[in-house]
Amino acid sequence: MNKYKNKPKRIYLDDHYYFVTVKTQLNKPIFKNHHNAKFFSLALMFLKNRGDFELAAGVLLPDHFHLLLLPIKKNISAIMHDLKSYTSQQINNQRRGILASPEQEGETGKGETGKGEAGSLTYGGKVELPSVWQRSFYYHIITTDLDFENHYNYIVYNPQKHGYVSNYDDWPWLWYKFFNNLRVNY
């Protein structure tokens, strides 16, 4: 039985910005790790530069991200799939490298115990790694200029709001550009 069968269909509108929030699995602070955050950043910029979307603002925090984007080549679901999938692949490749290291074997608990990284299991000698992302994502379609401005400012000031930095410009995983009188950074 499909537990998502009653899930409402996503709405796709041309020429509308979307505010998107995606959380990590179990709200784990996966992106406190600089390498993991870099994987996300590279994936985001690759998709943006490929022309999948126009990015107005985005922020990556240890356990979630927010984006304000205008889909161009793909719909919001396809964009989130690509971003989450690429980032997960890169993070899991890095995890496998750590798990495969003979020096790390005793520390990871891999081997006879059947356990690898915390929360992972081995099946037939292959380590199944824990998920990086929660299954779905939240989105809101921007409908007015004030709606855009509110969500834009929410993203830009998010690291400061959470107390990670005293000035939002000091957060390394923040992307924003100029819209009317709003701030610009990339």
Protein backbone atom coordinates (compact mmCIF):
# COMPACT_ATOMS: atom_id res chain seq x y z
CA MET A 1 0.00 0.00 0.00
CA ASN A 2 1.36 3.42 -0.94
CA LYS A 3 1.43 5.58 2.19
CA TYR A 4 1.69 8.71 0.01
CA LYS A 5 -1.38 8.03 -2.14
CA ASN A 6 -3.42 10.84 -0.57
CA LYS A 7 -0.60 13.36 -0.78
CA PRO A 8 -1.79 16.45 -2.69
CA LYS A 9 -0.33 16.95 -6.14
CA ARG A 10 2.28 19.64 -6.48
CA ILE A 11 1.35 22.81 -8.30
CA TYR A 12 3.68 23.99 -11.04
CA LEU A 13 3.31 27.56 -12.24
CA ASP A 14 5.40 29.20 -14.93
CA ASP A 15 6.99 32.56 -14.15
CA HIS A 16 6.55 32.24 -10.39
CA TYR A 17 9.19 32.11 -7.71
CA TYR A 18 9.14 29.28 -5.19
CA PHE A 19 10.28 29.39 -1.59
CA VAL A 20 11.58 25.91 -0.72
CA THR A 21 12.63 24.32 2.56
CA VAL A 22 14.33 20.93 2.81
CA LYS A 23 15.43 19.30 6.05
CA THR A 24 18.02 16.63 6.70
CA GLN A 25 16.95 13.18 7.85
CA LEU A 26 16.11 13.32 11.57
CA ASN A 27 17.32 16.94 11.55
CA LYS A 28 20.92 15.80 11.79
CA PRO A 29 23.47 18.64 11.41
CA ILE A 30 25.09 17.01 8.36
CA PHE A 31 26.16 20.36 6.93
CA LYS A 32 28.26 21.39 9.92
CA ASN A 33 30.83 19.39 7.98
CA HIS A 34 32.53 21.80 5.57
CA HIS A 35 32.98 19.12 2.87
CA ASN A 36 29.27 18.26 2.93
CA ALA A 37 28.34 21.93 2.69
CA LYS A 38 30.73 22.32 -0.24
CA PHE A 39 29.05 19.40 -2.04
CA PHE A 40 25.71 21.13 -1.63
CA SER A 41 27.10 24.46 -2.82
CA LEU A 42 28.69 22.92 -5.91
CA ALA A 43 25.47 21.10 -6.80
CA LEU A 44 23.38 24.23 -6.34
CA MET A 45 25.67 26.34 -8.51
CA PHE A 46 25.92 23.61 -11.17
CA LEU A 47 22.13 23.41 -11.53
CA LYS A 48 21.83 27.20 -11.51
CA ASN A 49 24.56 27.63 -14.13
CA ARG A 50 23.03 24.85 -16.24
CA GLY A 51 19.94 27.04 -16.43
CA ASP A 52 17.53 24.90 -14.45
CA PHE A 53 16.49 27.91 -12.36
CA GLU A 54 17.23 31.50 -11.44
CA LEU A 55 18.32 31.81 -7.81
CA ALA A 56 17.19 34.90 -5.95
CA ALA A 57 18.43 33.74 -2.54
CA GLY A 58 19.51 30.61 -0.74
CA VAL A 59 20.96 29.55 2.57
CA LEU A 60 22.35 26.26 3.82
CA LEU A 61 22.28 25.67 7.57
CA PRO A 62 23.54 22.58 9.45
CA ASP A 63 20.24 20.69 9.21
CA HIS A 64 18.20 22.36 6.44
CA PHE A 65 18.21 24.77 3.54
CA HIS A 66 15.95 27.44 2.10
CA LEU A 67 15.88 28.58 -1.51
CA LEU A 68 13.98 31.27 -3.34
CA LEU A 69 14.13 30.33 -6.99
CA LEU A 70 12.41 30.66 -10.34
CA PRO A 71 12.26 27.35 -12.23
CA ILE A 72 13.30 27.71 -15.89
CA LYS A 73 14.18 24.38 -17.53
CA LYS A 74 12.69 22.01 -14.94
CA ASN A 75 9.83 22.07 -12.45
CA ILE A 76 10.43 22.49 -8.74
CA SER A 77 10.16 18.73 -8.05
CA ALA A 78 12.78 17.85 -10.66
CA ILE A 79 15.10 20.58 -9.37
CA MET A 80 14.81 19.37 -5.76
CA HIS A 81 15.31 15.76 -6.89
CA ASP A 82 18.51 16.66 -8.75
CA LEU A 83 19.87 18.81 -5.91
CA LYS A 84 19.11 16.28 -3.18
CA SER A 85 20.26 13.31 -5.26
CA TYR A 86 23.62 14.80 -6.28
CA THR A 87 24.36 16.04 -2.77
CA SER A 88 23.46 12.66 -1.25
CA GLN A 89 25.65 10.81 -3.75
CA GLN A 90 28.66 12.97 -2.96
CA ILE A 91 28.19 12.77 0.80
CA ASN A 92 27.67 9.00 0.67
CA ASN A 93 30.73 8.55 -1.55
CA GLN A 94 32.72 10.42 1.08
CA ARG A 95 31.18 8.27 3.85
CA ARG A 96 32.04 5.10 1.92
CA GLY A 97 35.63 6.28 1.61
CA ILE A 98 35.80 6.69 5.36
CA LEU A 99 34.05 3.38 6.00
CA ALA A 100 36.26 1.54 3.52
CA SER A 101 39.46 2.78 5.14
CA PRO A 102 41.19 -0.11 6.99
CA GLU A 103 42.40 2.33 9.66
CA GLN A 104 38.79 3.34 10.37
CA GLU A 105 37.27 -0.14 10.44
CA GLY A 106 37.53 -0.61 14.19
CA GLU A 107 36.22 2.89 14.85
CA THR A 108 33.17 2.58 12.62
CA GLY A 109 32.03 -0.74 13.98
CA LYS A 110 32.02 -2.20 10.48
CA GLY A 111 32.70 -5.83 9.91
CA GLU A 112 31.38 -8.73 11.96
CA THR A 113 28.88 -6.61 13.92
CA GLY A 114 26.84 -5.87 10.78
CA LYS A 115 26.89 -2.19 11.59
CA GLY A 116 28.72 0.55 9.74
CA GLU A 117 28.20 4.25 10.25
CA ALA A 118 25.68 5.07 12.98
CA GLY A 119 22.28 3.98 11.76
CA SER A 120 23.61 2.02 8.80
CA LEU A 121 23.53 -1.71 8.20
CA THR A 122 25.51 -4.07 6.05
CA TYR A 123 23.69 -6.28 3.59
CA GLY A 124 25.80 -8.89 1.85
CA GLY A 125 28.93 -6.95 2.75
CA LYS A 126 27.58 -3.68 1.27
CA VAL A 127 27.06 -0.80 3.67
CA GLU A 128 23.65 0.88 3.38
CA LEU A 129 24.16 4.44 4.55
CA PRO A 130 21.59 6.54 6.37
CA SER A 131 19.60 8.99 4.28
CA VAL A 132 20.85 12.53 4.02
CA TRP A 133 17.47 14.18 3.38
CA GLN A 134 13.93 13.85 4.61
CA ARG A 135 11.72 12.28 1.97
CA SER A 136 9.94 15.35 0.61
CA PHE A 137 10.19 19.13 0.72
CA TYR A 138 8.07 22.10 1.67
CA TYR A 139 7.35 24.80 -0.89
CA HIS A 140 5.37 28.01 -1.16
CA ILE A 141 4.57 29.75 -4.43
CA ILE A 142 5.35 33.46 -4.26
CA THR A 143 2.32 35.48 -5.32
CA THR A 144 3.12 39.13 -4.56
CA ASP A 145 6.08 41.49 -4.35
CA LEU A 146 5.66 41.70 -0.57
CA ASP A 147 5.58 37.89 -0.36
CA PHE A 148 8.84 37.78 -2.36
CA GLU A 149 10.49 40.41 -0.16
CA ASN A 150 9.44 38.67 3.07
CA HIS A 151 10.79 35.29 1.97
CA TYR A 152 13.94 36.84 0.52
CA ASN A 153 14.69 38.63 3.80
CA TYR A 154 13.86 35.48 5.77
CA ILE A 155 16.55 33.61 3.83
CA VAL A 156 19.21 36.32 3.99
CA TYR A 157 18.84 36.88 7.73
CA ASN A 158 18.35 33.20 8.66
CA PRO A 159 21.95 32.46 9.80
CA GLN A 160 21.87 35.56 11.99
CA LYS A 161 18.42 34.63 13.37
CA HIS A 162 19.71 31.19 14.39
CA GLY A 163 22.72 32.79 16.10
CA TYR A 164 25.38 31.27 13.83
CA VAL A 165 26.82 34.69 12.97
CA SER A 166 26.36 38.24 14.21
CA ASN A 167 26.28 39.58 10.63
CA TYR A 168 24.51 37.62 7.89
CA ASP A 169 27.32 38.40 5.42
CA ASP A 170 29.69 36.31 7.55
CA TRP A 171 27.80 33.07 6.80
CA PRO A 172 29.70 31.15 4.09
CA TRP A 173 26.66 29.26 2.74
CA LEU A 174 24.46 32.22 1.82
CA TRP A 175 23.65 33.20 -1.75
CA TYR A 176 21.61 36.23 -2.73
CA LYS A 177 21.35 38.73 -5.53
CA PHE A 178 19.90 42.15 -6.11
CA PHE A 179 16.18 42.68 -6.60
CA ASN A 180 14.98 46.29 -6.51
CA ASN A 181 16.29 47.60 -3.18
CA LEU A 182 17.10 44.20 -1.71
CA ARG A 183 20.66 43.17 -0.89
CA VAL A 184 23.08 41.62 -3.38
CA ASN A 185 25.92 39.12 -2.92
CA TYR A 186 26.62 36.95 -5.96
